[in-house]
PDB file of N, CA and C in Angstrom:
ATOM      1  N   UNK A   1      25.464 -11.799 -15.418  1.00  0.00           N
ATOM      2  CA  UNK A   1      24.873 -11.262 -14.193  1.00  0.00           C
ATOM      3  C   UNK A   1      23.508 -11.890 -13.985  1.00  0.00           C
ATOM      4  N   UNK A   2      23.115 -12.109 -12.729  1.00  0.00           N
ATOM      5  CA  UNK A   2      21.907 -12.838 -12.395  1.00  0.00           C
ATOM      6  C   UNK A   2      20.601 -12.107 -12.611  1.00  0.00           C
ATOM      7  N   UNK A   3      20.569 -10.810 -12.551  1.00  0.00           N
ATOM      8  CA  UNK A   3      19.329 -10.068 -12.720  1.00  0.00           C
ATOM      9  C   UNK A   3      18.435 -10.157 -11.493  1.00  0.00           C
ATOM     10  N   UNK A   4      18.245  -9.035 -10.830  1.00  0.00           N
ATOM     11  CA  UNK A   4      17.425  -8.999  -9.616  1.00  0.00           C
ATOM     12  C   UNK A   4      15.969  -9.290  -9.939  1.00  0.00           C
ATOM     13  N   UNK A   5      15.301  -9.979  -9.028  1.00  0.00           N
ATOM     14  CA  UNK A   5      13.887 -10.318  -9.164  1.00  0.00           C
ATOM     15  C   UNK A   5      13.188 -10.071  -7.836  1.00  0.00           C
ATOM     16  N   UNK A   6      11.921  -9.690  -7.917  1.00  0.00           N
ATOM     17  CA  UNK A   6      11.061  -9.583  -6.739  1.00  0.00           C
ATOM     18  C   UNK A   6       9.936 -10.583  -6.949  1.00  0.00           C
ATOM     19  N   UNK A   7       9.729 -11.454  -5.966  1.00  0.00           N
ATOM     20  CA  UNK A   7       8.739 -12.526  -6.066  1.00  0.00           C
ATOM     21  C   UNK A   7       7.677 -12.305  -4.993  1.00  0.00           C
ATOM     22  N   UNK A   8       6.415 -12.332  -5.390  1.00  0.00           N
ATOM     23  CA  UNK A   8       5.300 -12.191  -4.461  1.00  0.00           C
ATOM     24  C   UNK A   8       4.681 -13.566  -4.221  1.00  0.00           C
ATOM     25  N   UNK A   9       4.558 -13.945  -2.943  1.00  0.00           N
ATOM     26  CA  UNK A   9       3.997 -15.243  -2.565  1.00  0.00           C
ATOM     27  C   UNK A   9       3.064 -15.026  -1.378  1.00  0.00           C
ATOM     28  N   UNK A  10       1.880 -15.634  -1.406  1.00  0.00           N
ATOM     29  CA  UNK A  10       1.044 -15.610  -0.206  1.00  0.00           C
ATOM     30  C   UNK A  10       1.246 -16.917   0.551  1.00  0.00           C
ATOM     31  N   UNK A  11       1.115 -16.816   1.868  1.00  0.00           N
ATOM     32  CA  UNK A  11       1.331 -17.972   2.751  1.00  0.00           C
ATOM     33  C   UNK A  11       0.341 -17.839   3.896  1.00  0.00           C
ATOM     34  N   UNK A  12      -0.195 -18.942   4.407  1.00  0.00           N
ATOM     35  CA  UNK A  12      -1.043 -18.833   5.601  1.00  0.00           C
ATOM     36  C   UNK A  12      -0.288 -18.100   6.709  1.00  0.00           C
ATOM     37  N   UNK A  13      -1.015 -17.337   7.498  1.00  0.00           N
ATOM     38  CA  UNK A  13      -0.378 -16.546   8.555  1.00  0.00           C
ATOM     39  C   UNK A  13       0.483 -17.435   9.462  1.00  0.00           C
ATOM     40  N   UNK A  14      -0.059 -18.598   9.790  1.00  0.00           N
ATOM     41  CA  UNK A  14       0.698 -19.519  10.639  1.00  0.00           C
ATOM     42  C   UNK A  14       1.846 -20.121   9.826  1.00  0.00           C
ATOM     43  N   UNK A  15       3.047 -19.936  10.284  1.00  0.00           N
ATOM     44  CA  UNK A  15       4.221 -20.501   9.630  1.00  0.00           C
ATOM     45  C   UNK A  15       4.888 -19.608   8.604  1.00  0.00           C
ATOM     46  N   UNK A  16       4.310 -18.454   8.322  1.00  0.00           N
ATOM     47  CA  UNK A  16       4.880 -17.567   7.292  1.00  0.00           C
ATOM     48  C   UNK A  16       6.272 -17.073   7.671  1.00  0.00           C
ATOM     49  N   UNK A  17       6.461 -16.690   8.922  1.00  0.00           N
ATOM     50  CA  UNK A  17       7.760 -16.183   9.344  1.00  0.00           C
ATOM     51  C   UNK A  17       8.832 -17.267   9.236  1.00  0.00           C
ATOM     52  N   UNK A  18       8.511 -18.480   9.625  1.00  0.00           N
ATOM     53  CA  UNK A  18       9.470 -19.588   9.538  1.00  0.00           C
ATOM     54  C   UNK A  18       9.812 -19.883   8.076  1.00  0.00           C
ATOM     55  N   UNK A  19       8.810 -19.834   7.203  1.00  0.00           N
ATOM     56  CA  UNK A  19       9.046 -20.071   5.781  1.00  0.00           C
ATOM     57  C   UNK A  19       9.977 -19.000   5.207  1.00  0.00           C
ATOM     58  N   UNK A  20       9.713 -17.738   5.554  1.00  0.00           N
ATOM     59  CA  UNK A  20      10.557 -16.639   5.083  1.00  0.00           C
ATOM     60  C   UNK A  20      11.993 -16.814   5.576  1.00  0.00           C
ATOM     61  N   UNK A  21      12.134 -17.202   6.813  1.00  0.00           N
ATOM     62  CA  UNK A  21      13.473 -17.421   7.379  1.00  0.00           C
ATOM     63  C   UNK A  21      14.218 -18.524   6.622  1.00  0.00           C
ATOM     64  N   UNK A  22      13.518 -19.620   6.294  1.00  0.00           N
ATOM     65  CA  UNK A  22      14.154 -20.704   5.544  1.00  0.00           C
ATOM     66  C   UNK A  22      14.613 -20.236   4.164  1.00  0.00           C
ATOM     67  N   UNK A  23      13.818 -19.391   3.508  1.00  0.00           N
ATOM     68  CA  UNK A  23      14.226 -18.870   2.202  1.00  0.00           C
ATOM     69  C   UNK A  23      15.547 -18.117   2.296  1.00  0.00           C
ATOM     70  N   UNK A  24      15.694 -17.316   3.351  1.00  0.00           N
ATOM     71  CA  UNK A  24      16.926 -16.534   3.530  1.00  0.00           C
ATOM     72  C   UNK A  24      18.076 -17.446   3.963  1.00  0.00           C
ATOM     73  N   UNK A  25      17.809 -18.351   4.903  1.00  0.00           N
ATOM     74  CA  UNK A  25      18.864 -19.270   5.360  1.00  0.00           C
ATOM     75  C   UNK A  25      19.427 -20.112   4.218  1.00  0.00           C
ATOM     76  N   UNK A  26      18.561 -20.539   3.313  1.00  0.00           N
ATOM     77  CA  UNK A  26      18.997 -21.377   2.179  1.00  0.00           C
ATOM     78  C   UNK A  26      19.495 -20.558   0.992  1.00  0.00           C
ATOM     79  N   UNK A  27      19.586 -19.254   1.205  1.00  0.00           N
ATOM     80  CA  UNK A  27      20.075 -18.320   0.183  1.00  0.00           C
ATOM     81  C   UNK A  27      19.233 -18.319  -1.091  1.00  0.00           C
ATOM     82  N   UNK A  28      17.958 -18.653  -0.935  1.00  0.00           N
ATOM     83  CA  UNK A  28      17.038 -18.561  -2.061  1.00  0.00           C
ATOM     84  C   UNK A  28      16.531 -17.140  -2.217  1.00  0.00           C
ATOM     85  N   UNK A  29      16.599 -16.368  -1.143  1.00  0.00           N
ATOM     86  CA  UNK A  29      16.233 -14.951  -1.149  1.00  0.00           C
ATOM     87  C   UNK A  29      17.232 -14.194  -0.285  1.00  0.00           C
ATOM     88  N   UNK A  30      17.538 -12.976  -0.702  1.00  0.00           N
ATOM     89  CA  UNK A  30      18.431 -12.132   0.087  1.00  0.00           C
ATOM     90  C   UNK A  30      17.669 -11.472   1.230  1.00  0.00           C
ATOM     91  N   UNK A  31      16.382 -11.225   0.997  1.00  0.00           N
ATOM     92  CA  UNK A  31      15.545 -10.536   1.973  1.00  0.00           C
ATOM     93  C   UNK A  31      14.097 -10.920   1.691  1.00  0.00           C
ATOM     94  N   UNK A  32      13.296 -11.041   2.747  1.00  0.00           N
ATOM     95  CA  UNK A  32      11.865 -11.305   2.580  1.00  0.00           C
ATOM     96  C   UNK A  32      11.097 -10.368   3.498  1.00  0.00           C
ATOM     97  N   UNK A  33      10.187  -9.588   2.925  1.00  0.00           N
ATOM     98  CA  UNK A  33       9.301  -8.735   3.709  1.00  0.00           C
ATOM     99  C   UNK A  33       7.996  -9.481   3.924  1.00  0.00           C
ATOM    100  N   UNK A  34       7.431  -9.379   5.129  1.00  0.00           N
ATOM    101  CA  UNK A  34       6.170 -10.031   5.465  1.00  0.00           C
ATOM    102  C   UNK A  34       5.111  -8.966   5.682  1.00  0.00           C
ATOM    103  N   UNK A  35       4.026  -9.041   4.916  1.00  0.00           N
ATOM    104  CA  UNK A  35       2.946  -8.059   4.987  1.00  0.00           C
ATOM    105  C   UNK A  35       1.652  -8.794   5.333  1.00  0.00           C
ATOM    106  N   UNK A  36       1.098  -8.583   6.532  1.00  0.00           N
ATOM    107  CA  UNK A  36      -0.145  -9.265   6.892  1.00  0.00           C
ATOM    108  C   UNK A  36      -1.311  -8.740   6.048  1.00  0.00           C
ATOM    109  N   UNK A  37      -2.218  -9.649   5.689  1.00  0.00           N
ATOM    110  CA  UNK A  37      -3.381  -9.243   4.905  1.00  0.00           C
ATOM    111  C   UNK A  37      -4.514 -10.230   5.094  1.00  0.00           C
ATOM    112  N   UNK A  38      -5.686  -9.842   4.643  1.00  0.00           N
ATOM    113  CA  UNK A  38      -6.846 -10.739   4.627  1.00  0.00           C
ATOM    114  C   UNK A  38      -7.190 -10.991   3.169  1.00  0.00           C
ATOM    115  N   UNK A  39      -7.333 -12.253   2.808  1.00  0.00           N
ATOM    116  CA  UNK A  39      -7.666 -12.621   1.432  1.00  0.00           C
ATOM    117  C   UNK A  39      -9.116 -13.075   1.363  1.00  0.00           C
ATOM    118  N   UNK A  40      -9.791 -12.687   0.290  1.00  0.00           N
ATOM    119  CA  UNK A  40     -11.143 -13.154  -0.007  1.00  0.00           C
ATOM    120  C   UNK A  40     -11.050 -13.865  -1.339  1.00  0.00           C
ATOM    121  N   UNK A  41     -11.532 -15.097  -1.392  1.00  0.00           N
ATOM    122  CA  UNK A  41     -11.375 -15.903  -2.598  1.00  0.00           C
ATOM    123  C   UNK A  41     -12.500 -16.934  -2.692  1.00  0.00           C
ATOM    124  N   UNK A  42     -12.673 -17.479  -3.887  1.00  0.00           N
ATOM    125  CA  UNK A  42     -13.662 -18.535  -4.090  1.00  0.00           C
ATOM    126  C   UNK A  42     -12.950 -19.878  -4.025  1.00  0.00           C
ATOM    127  N   UNK A  43     -13.493 -20.799  -3.235  1.00  0.00           N
ATOM    128  CA  UNK A  43     -12.919 -22.134  -3.091  1.00  0.00           C
ATOM    129  C   UNK A  43     -14.059 -23.143  -3.032  1.00  0.00           C
ATOM    130  N   UNK A  44     -14.060 -24.063  -3.981  1.00  0.00           N
ATOM    131  CA  UNK A  44     -15.077 -25.113  -4.047  1.00  0.00           C
ATOM    132  C   UNK A  44     -16.492 -24.547  -4.008  1.00  0.00           C
ATOM    133  N   UNK A  45     -16.699 -23.489  -4.778  1.00  0.00           N
ATOM    134  CA  UNK A  45     -18.027 -22.901  -4.910  1.00  0.00           C
ATOM    135  C   UNK A  45     -18.446 -21.956  -3.802  1.00  0.00           C
ATOM    136  N   UNK A  46     -17.606 -21.755  -2.813  1.00  0.00           N
ATOM    137  CA  UNK A  46     -17.924 -20.864  -1.692  1.00  0.00           C
ATOM    138  C   UNK A  46     -16.943 -19.707  -1.648  1.00  0.00           C
ATOM    139  N   UNK A  47     -17.417 -18.564  -1.172  1.00  0.00           N
ATOM    140  CA  UNK A  47     -16.530 -17.424  -0.963  1.00  0.00           C
ATOM    141  C   UNK A  47     -15.933 -17.553   0.428  1.00  0.00           C
ATOM    142  N   UNK A  48     -14.624 -17.548   0.498  1.00  0.00           N
ATOM    143  CA  UNK A  48     -13.901 -17.735   1.752  1.00  0.00           C
ATOM    144  C   UNK A  48     -13.102 -16.483   2.101  1.00  0.00           C
ATOM    145  N   UNK A  49     -12.712 -16.392   3.360  1.00  0.00           N
ATOM    146  CA  UNK A  49     -11.844 -15.313   3.838  1.00  0.00           C
ATOM    147  C   UNK A  49     -10.803 -15.951   4.745  1.00  0.00           C
ATOM    148  N   UNK A  50      -9.545 -15.528   4.588  1.00  0.00           N
ATOM    149  CA  UNK A  50      -8.492 -16.101   5.419  1.00  0.00           C
ATOM    150  C   UNK A  50      -7.427 -15.054   5.708  1.00  0.00           C
ATOM    151  N   UNK A  51      -6.815 -15.182   6.879  1.00  0.00           N
ATOM    152  CA  UNK A  51      -5.647 -14.371   7.218  1.00  0.00           C
ATOM    153  C   UNK A  51      -4.451 -14.994   6.526  1.00  0.00           C
ATOM    154  N   UNK A  52      -3.720 -14.193   5.793  1.00  0.00           N
ATOM    155  CA  UNK A  52      -2.520 -14.656   5.117  1.00  0.00           C
ATOM    156  C   UNK A  52      -1.426 -13.613   5.293  1.00  0.00           C
ATOM    157  N   UNK A  53      -0.246 -13.962   4.814  1.00  0.00           N
ATOM    158  CA  UNK A  53       0.875 -13.033   4.802  1.00  0.00           C
ATOM    159  C   UNK A  53       1.393 -12.982   3.375  1.00  0.00           C
ATOM    160  N   UNK A  54       1.592 -11.784   2.875  1.00  0.00           N
ATOM    161  CA  UNK A  54       2.218 -11.599   1.572  1.00  0.00           C
ATOM    162  C   UNK A  54       3.720 -11.556   1.800  1.00  0.00           C
ATOM    163  N   UNK A  55       4.442 -12.491   1.181  1.00  0.00           N
ATOM    164  CA  UNK A  55       5.899 -12.499   1.261  1.00  0.00           C
ATOM    165  C   UNK A  55       6.433 -11.817   0.013  1.00  0.00           C
ATOM    166  N   UNK A  56       7.259 -10.814   0.202  1.00  0.00           N
ATOM    167  CA  UNK A  56       7.914 -10.118  -0.895  1.00  0.00           C
ATOM    168  C   UNK A  56       9.388 -10.503  -0.807  1.00  0.00           C
ATOM    169  N   UNK A  57       9.802 -11.403  -1.680  1.00  0.00           N
ATOM    170  CA  UNK A  57      11.160 -11.953  -1.623  1.00  0.00           C
ATOM    171  C   UNK A  57      12.026 -11.311  -2.695  1.00  0.00           C
ATOM    172  N   UNK A  58      13.207 -10.862  -2.282  1.00  0.00           N
ATOM    173  CA  UNK A  58      14.178 -10.314  -3.222  1.00  0.00           C
ATOM    174  C   UNK A  58      15.219 -11.389  -3.510  1.00  0.00           C
ATOM    175  N   UNK A  59      15.413 -11.677  -4.798  1.00  0.00           N
ATOM    176  CA  UNK A  59      16.332 -12.743  -5.195  1.00  0.00           C
ATOM    177  C   UNK A  59      16.924 -12.409  -6.555  1.00  0.00           C
ATOM    178  N   UNK A  60      17.583 -13.378  -7.159  1.00  0.00           N
ATOM    179  CA  UNK A  60      18.128 -13.220  -8.514  1.00  0.00           C
ATOM    180  C   UNK A  60      17.572 -14.353  -9.372  1.00  0.00           C
ATOM    181  N   UNK A  61      17.559 -14.151 -10.677  1.00  0.00           N
ATOM    182  CA  UNK A  61      16.942 -15.093 -11.601  1.00  0.00           C
ATOM    183  C   UNK A  61      17.401 -16.552 -11.412  1.00  0.00           C
ATOM    184  N   UNK A  62      18.687 -16.844 -11.253  1.00  0.00           N
ATOM    185  CA  UNK A  62      19.083 -18.250 -11.111  1.00  0.00           C
ATOM    186  C   UNK A  62      18.523 -18.936  -9.861  1.00  0.00           C
ATOM    187  N   UNK A  63      18.075 -18.183  -8.867  1.00  0.00           N
ATOM    188  CA  UNK A  63      17.581 -18.784  -7.629  1.00  0.00           C
ATOM    189  C   UNK A  63      16.062 -18.950  -7.612  1.00  0.00           C
ATOM    190  N   UNK A  64      15.407 -18.562  -8.708  1.00  0.00           N
ATOM    191  CA  UNK A  64      13.956 -18.771  -8.768  1.00  0.00           C
ATOM    192  C   UNK A  64      13.695 -20.233  -8.818  1.00  0.00           C
TER     193      UNK A  64
END
C-alpha cells in the first residue's frame, strides 16, 4: 500500500492555482488546497515580505 502523505509547499501567489491544477492533472496529488498567506523572511541580509499561497497537497508516498 502506498501510504497517504500530506505535503506543504509555498508558492508565489501568481501562478499558484495553475501549479496546483498541474499537480492534480498529472496525478501527483489527489487534491490540493490553496491557502493565501503573507510570508516574512530574510533574503540576502534584508527582511522581506511577500504574498504567497500555501499548497496543501494530498498524495501517496510513491508519488512524492
